[in-house]
């Protein structure tokens, strides 16, 4: 990946306007609520792993070609 900072515009051509559904575990849901309440700086290593798994699920649901 390039060191140049990307903008949202760099990714718009990769997506369509559509509904996206993912199934989250109880732990993933709890981590999202905790992160909303306390922010990203309060995340533990386990929280970061859970967030990464949520992002991975969302990425797959949004853009399945890669």
PDB file of N, CA and C in Angstrom:
ATOM      1  N   UNK A   1       0.842  -1.178   0.000  1.00  0.00           N
ATOM      2  CA  UNK A   1       0.000   0.000   0.000  1.00  0.00           C
ATOM      3  C   UNK A   1       0.887   1.241   0.000  1.00  0.00           C
ATOM      4  N   UNK A   2       0.491   2.212  -0.744  1.00  0.00           N
ATOM      5  CA  UNK A   2       1.246   3.457  -0.864  1.00  0.00           C
ATOM      6  C   UNK A   2       1.229   4.226   0.447  1.00  0.00           C
ATOM      7  N   UNK A   3       2.259   5.030   0.665  1.00  0.00           N
ATOM      8  CA  UNK A   3       2.317   5.858   1.867  1.00  0.00           C
ATOM      9  C   UNK A   3       1.462   7.110   1.719  1.00  0.00           C
ATOM     10  N   UNK A   4       0.985   7.395   0.495  1.00  0.00           N
ATOM     11  CA  UNK A   4       0.114   8.544   0.288  1.00  0.00           C
ATOM     12  C   UNK A   4      -1.194   8.311   1.027  1.00  0.00           C
ATOM     13  N   UNK A   5      -1.656   9.354   1.734  1.00  0.00           N
ATOM     14  CA  UNK A   5      -2.925   9.220   2.441  1.00  0.00           C
ATOM     15  C   UNK A   5      -4.065   9.184   1.437  1.00  0.00           C
ATOM     16  N   UNK A   6      -4.919   8.218   1.596  1.00  0.00           N
ATOM     17  CA  UNK A   6      -6.075   8.063   0.726  1.00  0.00           C
ATOM     18  C   UNK A   6      -7.257   8.818   1.319  1.00  0.00           C
ATOM     19  N   UNK A   7      -8.147   9.237   0.447  1.00  0.00           N
ATOM     20  CA  UNK A   7      -9.382   9.879   0.884  1.00  0.00           C
ATOM     21  C   UNK A   7     -10.546   8.952   0.566  1.00  0.00           C
ATOM     22  N   UNK A   8     -11.697   9.280   1.086  1.00  0.00           N
ATOM     23  CA  UNK A   8     -12.889   8.483   0.798  1.00  0.00           C
ATOM     24  C   UNK A   8     -13.181   8.464  -0.697  1.00  0.00           C
ATOM     25  N   UNK A   9     -12.837   9.537  -1.384  1.00  0.00           N
ATOM     26  CA  UNK A   9     -13.046   9.604  -2.833  1.00  0.00           C
ATOM     27  C   UNK A   9     -12.253   8.523  -3.572  1.00  0.00           C
ATOM     28  N   UNK A  10     -11.122   8.135  -3.032  1.00  0.00           N
ATOM     29  CA  UNK A  10     -10.310   7.087  -3.655  1.00  0.00           C
ATOM     30  C   UNK A  10     -10.998   5.723  -3.626  1.00  0.00           C
ATOM     31  N   UNK A  11     -12.018   5.570  -2.808  1.00  0.00           N
ATOM     32  CA  UNK A  11     -12.697   4.286  -2.643  1.00  0.00           C
ATOM     33  C   UNK A  11     -14.123   4.267  -3.182  1.00  0.00           C
ATOM     34  N   UNK A  12     -14.708   5.429  -3.456  1.00  0.00           N
ATOM     35  CA  UNK A  12     -16.110   5.489  -3.884  1.00  0.00           C
ATOM     36  C   UNK A  12     -16.391   4.626  -5.110  1.00  0.00           C
ATOM     37  N   UNK A  13     -15.462   4.562  -6.036  1.00  0.00           N
ATOM     38  CA  UNK A  13     -15.700   3.786  -7.261  1.00  0.00           C
ATOM     39  C   UNK A  13     -15.760   2.278  -6.998  1.00  0.00           C
ATOM     40  N   UNK A  14     -15.364   1.858  -5.818  1.00  0.00           N
ATOM     41  CA  UNK A  14     -15.351   0.433  -5.483  1.00  0.00           C
ATOM     42  C   UNK A  14     -16.671  -0.061  -4.905  1.00  0.00           C
ATOM     43  N   UNK A  15     -17.570   0.867  -4.581  1.00  0.00           N
ATOM     44  CA  UNK A  15     -18.785   0.478  -3.869  1.00  0.00           C
ATOM     45  C   UNK A  15     -20.035   0.981  -4.576  1.00  0.00           C
ATOM     46  N   UNK A  16     -21.139   0.293  -4.282  1.00  0.00           N
ATOM     47  CA  UNK A  16     -22.453   0.708  -4.756  1.00  0.00           C
ATOM     48  C   UNK A  16     -23.292   1.067  -3.539  1.00  0.00           C
ATOM     49  N   UNK A  17     -24.291   1.878  -3.754  1.00  0.00           N
ATOM     50  CA  UNK A  17     -25.203   2.209  -2.668  1.00  0.00           C
ATOM     51  C   UNK A  17     -26.118   1.002  -2.445  1.00  0.00           C
ATOM     52  N   UNK A  18     -25.958   0.336  -1.309  1.00  0.00           N
ATOM     53  CA  UNK A  18     -26.752  -0.858  -1.016  1.00  0.00           C
ATOM     54  C   UNK A  18     -26.771  -1.085   0.487  1.00  0.00           C
ATOM     55  N   UNK A  19     -27.755  -1.847   0.936  1.00  0.00           N
ATOM     56  CA  UNK A  19     -27.801  -2.253   2.334  1.00  0.00           C
ATOM     57  C   UNK A  19     -26.785  -3.364   2.546  1.00  0.00           C
ATOM     58  N   UNK A  20     -26.150  -3.356   3.707  1.00  0.00           N
ATOM     59  CA  UNK A  20     -25.159  -4.370   4.055  1.00  0.00           C
ATOM     60  C   UNK A  20     -25.550  -4.956   5.409  1.00  0.00           C
ATOM     61  N   UNK A  21     -25.553  -6.273   5.495  1.00  0.00           N
ATOM     62  CA  UNK A  21     -25.900  -6.953   6.736  1.00  0.00           C
ATOM     63  C   UNK A  21     -24.756  -7.866   7.149  1.00  0.00           C
ATOM     64  N   UNK A  22     -24.384  -7.801   8.415  1.00  0.00           N
ATOM     65  CA  UNK A  22     -23.410  -8.737   8.976  1.00  0.00           C
ATOM     66  C   UNK A  22     -23.968  -9.266  10.288  1.00  0.00           C
ATOM     67  N   UNK A  23     -23.534 -10.441  10.658  1.00  0.00           N
ATOM     68  CA  UNK A  23     -23.946 -11.047  11.919  1.00  0.00           C
ATOM     69  C   UNK A  23     -22.785 -10.920  12.898  1.00  0.00           C
ATOM     70  N   UNK A  24     -23.042 -10.259  14.034  1.00  0.00           N
ATOM     71  CA  UNK A  24     -22.000 -10.013  15.025  1.00  0.00           C
ATOM     72  C   UNK A  24     -22.227 -10.874  16.256  1.00  0.00           C
ATOM     73  N   UNK A  25     -21.133 -11.374  16.807  1.00  0.00           N
ATOM     74  CA  UNK A  25     -21.217 -12.146  18.047  1.00  0.00           C
ATOM     75  C   UNK A  25     -21.579 -11.209  19.200  1.00  0.00           C
ATOM     76  N   UNK A  26     -21.955 -11.794  20.310  1.00  0.00           N
ATOM     77  CA  UNK A  26     -22.268 -11.006  21.501  1.00  0.00           C
ATOM     78  C   UNK A  26     -21.052 -10.183  21.927  1.00  0.00           C
ATOM     79  N   UNK A  27     -19.861 -10.775  21.885  1.00  0.00           N
ATOM     80  CA  UNK A  27     -18.642 -10.047  22.248  1.00  0.00           C
ATOM     81  C   UNK A  27     -18.374  -8.888  21.295  1.00  0.00           C
ATOM     82  N   UNK A  28     -18.581  -9.098  20.002  1.00  0.00           N
ATOM     83  CA  UNK A  28     -18.375  -8.020  19.034  1.00  0.00           C
ATOM     84  C   UNK A  28     -19.345  -6.867  19.293  1.00  0.00           C
ATOM     85  N   UNK A  29     -20.589  -7.196  19.569  1.00  0.00           N
ATOM     86  CA  UNK A  29     -21.585  -6.166  19.854  1.00  0.00           C
ATOM     87  C   UNK A  29     -21.236  -5.390  21.122  1.00  0.00           C
ATOM     88  N   UNK A  30     -20.827  -6.107  22.168  1.00  0.00           N
ATOM     89  CA  UNK A  30     -20.450  -5.452  23.426  1.00  0.00           C
ATOM     90  C   UNK A  30     -19.248  -4.540  23.226  1.00  0.00           C
ATOM     91  N   UNK A  31     -18.270  -4.982  22.435  1.00  0.00           N
ATOM     92  CA  UNK A  31     -17.085  -4.168  22.165  1.00  0.00           C
ATOM     93  C   UNK A  31     -17.467  -2.886  21.436  1.00  0.00           C
ATOM     94  N   UNK A  32     -18.396  -2.969  20.497  1.00  0.00           N
ATOM     95  CA  UNK A  32     -18.833  -1.775  19.773  1.00  0.00           C
ATOM     96  C   UNK A  32     -19.488  -0.785  20.732  1.00  0.00           C
ATOM     97  N   UNK A  33     -20.343  -1.264  21.622  1.00  0.00           N
ATOM     98  CA  UNK A  33     -20.972  -0.370  22.600  1.00  0.00           C
ATOM     99  C   UNK A  33     -19.934   0.253  23.529  1.00  0.00           C
ATOM    100  N   UNK A  34     -18.989  -0.550  24.006  1.00  0.00           N
ATOM    101  CA  UNK A  34     -17.926  -0.041  24.877  1.00  0.00           C
ATOM    102  C   UNK A  34     -17.098   1.013  24.155  1.00  0.00           C
ATOM    103  N   UNK A  35     -16.735   0.738  22.902  1.00  0.00           N
ATOM    104  CA  UNK A  35     -15.920   1.679  22.134  1.00  0.00           C
ATOM    105  C   UNK A  35     -16.687   2.969  21.880  1.00  0.00           C
ATOM    106  N   UNK A  36     -17.965   2.875  21.628  1.00  0.00           N
ATOM    107  CA  UNK A  36     -18.789   4.070  21.445  1.00  0.00           C
ATOM    108  C   UNK A  36     -18.776   4.915  22.717  1.00  0.00           C
ATOM    109  N   UNK A  37     -18.919   4.255  23.863  1.00  0.00           N
ATOM    110  CA  UNK A  37     -18.972   4.972  25.144  1.00  0.00           C
ATOM    111  C   UNK A  37     -17.631   5.561  25.556  1.00  0.00           C
ATOM    112  N   UNK A  38     -16.531   4.845  25.324  1.00  0.00           N
ATOM    113  CA  UNK A  38     -15.234   5.249  25.875  1.00  0.00           C
ATOM    114  C   UNK A  38     -14.185   5.639  24.833  1.00  0.00           C
ATOM    115  N   UNK A  39     -14.456   5.394  23.559  1.00  0.00           N
ATOM    116  CA  UNK A  39     -13.540   5.813  22.504  1.00  0.00           C
ATOM    117  C   UNK A  39     -12.496   4.771  22.150  1.00  0.00           C
ATOM    118  N   UNK A  40     -11.843   5.018  21.028  1.00  0.00           N
ATOM    119  CA  UNK A  40     -10.836   4.086  20.514  1.00  0.00           C
ATOM    120  C   UNK A  40      -9.621   3.971  21.421  1.00  0.00           C
ATOM    121  N   UNK A  41      -9.278   5.035  22.127  1.00  0.00           N
ATOM    122  CA  UNK A  41      -8.093   5.003  22.990  1.00  0.00           C
ATOM    123  C   UNK A  41      -8.262   4.091  24.202  1.00  0.00           C
ATOM    124  N   UNK A  42      -9.496   3.728  24.530  1.00  0.00           N
ATOM    125  CA  UNK A  42      -9.750   2.861  25.682  1.00  0.00           C
ATOM    126  C   UNK A  42      -9.790   1.381  25.305  1.00  0.00           C
ATOM    127  N   UNK A  43      -9.515   1.070  24.051  1.00  0.00           N
ATOM    128  CA  UNK A  43      -9.603  -0.319  23.597  1.00  0.00           C
ATOM    129  C   UNK A  43      -8.448  -1.158  24.137  1.00  0.00           C
ATOM    130  N   UNK A  44      -8.782  -2.386  24.524  1.00  0.00           N
ATOM    131  CA  UNK A  44      -7.759  -3.359  24.904  1.00  0.00           C
ATOM    132  C   UNK A  44      -7.297  -4.092  23.645  1.00  0.00           C
ATOM    133  N   UNK A  45      -6.282  -4.925  23.775  1.00  0.00           N
ATOM    134  CA  UNK A  45      -5.829  -5.729  22.634  1.00  0.00           C
ATOM    135  C   UNK A  45      -6.951  -6.633  22.120  1.00  0.00           C
ATOM    136  N   UNK A  46      -7.727  -7.191  23.038  1.00  0.00           N
ATOM    137  CA  UNK A  46      -8.843  -8.054  22.645  1.00  0.00           C
ATOM    138  C   UNK A  46      -9.905  -7.243  21.918  1.00  0.00           C
ATOM    139  N   UNK A  47     -10.199  -6.029  22.422  1.00  0.00           N
ATOM    140  CA  UNK A  47     -11.150  -5.150  21.740  1.00  0.00           C
ATOM    141  C   UNK A  47     -10.692  -4.870  20.311  1.00  0.00           C
ATOM    142  N   UNK A  48      -9.405  -4.607  20.140  1.00  0.00           N
ATOM    143  CA  UNK A  48      -8.864  -4.325  18.803  1.00  0.00           C
ATOM    144  C   UNK A  48      -9.026  -5.528  17.879  1.00  0.00           C
ATOM    145  N   UNK A  49      -8.809  -6.732  18.407  1.00  0.00           N
ATOM    146  CA  UNK A  49      -9.001  -7.938  17.597  1.00  0.00           C
ATOM    147  C   UNK A  49     -10.467  -8.087  17.198  1.00  0.00           C
ATOM    148  N   UNK A  50     -11.374  -7.815  18.137  1.00  0.00           N
ATOM    149  CA  UNK A  50     -12.803  -7.903  17.834  1.00  0.00           C
ATOM    150  C   UNK A  50     -13.203  -6.857  16.797  1.00  0.00           C
ATOM    151  N   UNK A  51     -12.699  -5.631  16.943  1.00  0.00           N
ATOM    152  CA  UNK A  51     -13.005  -4.581  15.973  1.00  0.00           C
ATOM    153  C   UNK A  51     -12.470  -4.952  14.592  1.00  0.00           C
ATOM    154  N   UNK A  52     -11.277  -5.503  14.543  1.00  0.00           N
ATOM    155  CA  UNK A  52     -10.713  -5.935  13.261  1.00  0.00           C
ATOM    156  C   UNK A  52     -11.588  -6.994  12.607  1.00  0.00           C
ATOM    157  N   UNK A  53     -12.137  -7.892  13.403  1.00  0.00           N
ATOM    158  CA  UNK A  53     -12.996  -8.930  12.828  1.00  0.00           C
ATOM    159  C   UNK A  53     -14.301  -8.333  12.303  1.00  0.00           C
ATOM    160  N   UNK A  54     -14.833  -7.322  12.984  1.00  0.00           N
ATOM    161  CA  UNK A  54     -16.040  -6.640  12.503  1.00  0.00           C
ATOM    162  C   UNK A  54     -15.741  -5.918  11.192  1.00  0.00           C
ATOM    163  N   UNK A  55     -14.621  -5.205  11.144  1.00  0.00           N
ATOM    164  CA  UNK A  55     -14.239  -4.490   9.926  1.00  0.00           C
ATOM    165  C   UNK A  55     -14.038  -5.469   8.773  1.00  0.00           C
ATOM    166  N   UNK A  56     -13.431  -6.612   9.059  1.00  0.00           N
ATOM    167  CA  UNK A  56     -13.212  -7.632   8.030  1.00  0.00           C
ATOM    168  C   UNK A  56     -14.555  -8.154   7.497  1.00  0.00           C
ATOM    169  N   UNK A  57     -15.514  -8.405   8.398  1.00  0.00           N
ATOM    170  CA  UNK A  57     -16.839  -8.856   7.975  1.00  0.00           C
ATOM    171  C   UNK A  57     -17.524  -7.794   7.121  1.00  0.00           C
ATOM    172  N   UNK A  58     -17.448  -6.543   7.557  1.00  0.00           N
ATOM    173  CA  UNK A  58     -18.059  -5.456   6.792  1.00  0.00           C
ATOM    174  C   UNK A  58     -17.404  -5.307   5.428  1.00  0.00           C
ATOM    175  N   UNK A  59     -16.089  -5.371   5.386  1.00  0.00           N
ATOM    176  CA  UNK A  59     -15.357  -5.245   4.125  1.00  0.00           C
ATOM    177  C   UNK A  59     -15.786  -6.336   3.158  1.00  0.00           C
ATOM    178  N   UNK A  60     -15.912  -7.559   3.651  1.00  0.00           N
ATOM    179  CA  UNK A  60     -16.322  -8.675   2.803  1.00  0.00           C
ATOM    180  C   UNK A  60     -17.747  -8.476   2.289  1.00  0.00           C
ATOM    181  N   UNK A  61     -18.639  -7.998   3.152  1.00  0.00           N
ATOM    182  CA  UNK A  61     -20.025  -7.767   2.739  1.00  0.00           C
ATOM    183  C   UNK A  61     -20.137  -6.608   1.747  1.00  0.00           C
ATOM    184  N   UNK A  62     -19.282  -5.606   1.894  1.00  0.00           N
ATOM    185  CA  UNK A  62     -19.321  -4.426   1.026  1.00  0.00           C
ATOM    186  C   UNK A  62     -18.668  -4.702  -0.315  1.00  0.00           C
ATOM    187  N   UNK A  63     -17.527  -5.353  -0.286  1.00  0.00           N
ATOM    188  CA  UNK A  63     -16.717  -5.501  -1.509  1.00  0.00           C
ATOM    189  C   UNK A  63     -16.198  -6.927  -1.587  1.00  0.00           C
ATOM    190  N   UNK A  64     -17.003  -7.802  -2.149  1.00  0.00           N
ATOM    191  CA  UNK A  64     -16.687  -9.233  -2.149  1.00  0.00           C
ATOM    192  C   UNK A  64     -15.674  -9.649  -3.205  1.00  0.00           C
ATOM    193  N   UNK A  65     -15.306  -8.763  -4.125  1.00  0.00           N
ATOM    194  CA  UNK A  65     -14.404  -9.145  -5.207  1.00  0.00           C
ATOM    195  C   UNK A  65     -12.966  -9.333  -4.757  1.00  0.00           C
ATOM    196  N   UNK A  66     -12.578  -8.839  -3.574  1.00  0.00           N
ATOM    197  CA  UNK A  66     -11.180  -8.957  -3.151  1.00  0.00           C
ATOM    198  C   UNK A  66     -11.059  -9.802  -1.916  1.00  0.00           C
TER     199      UNK A  66
END
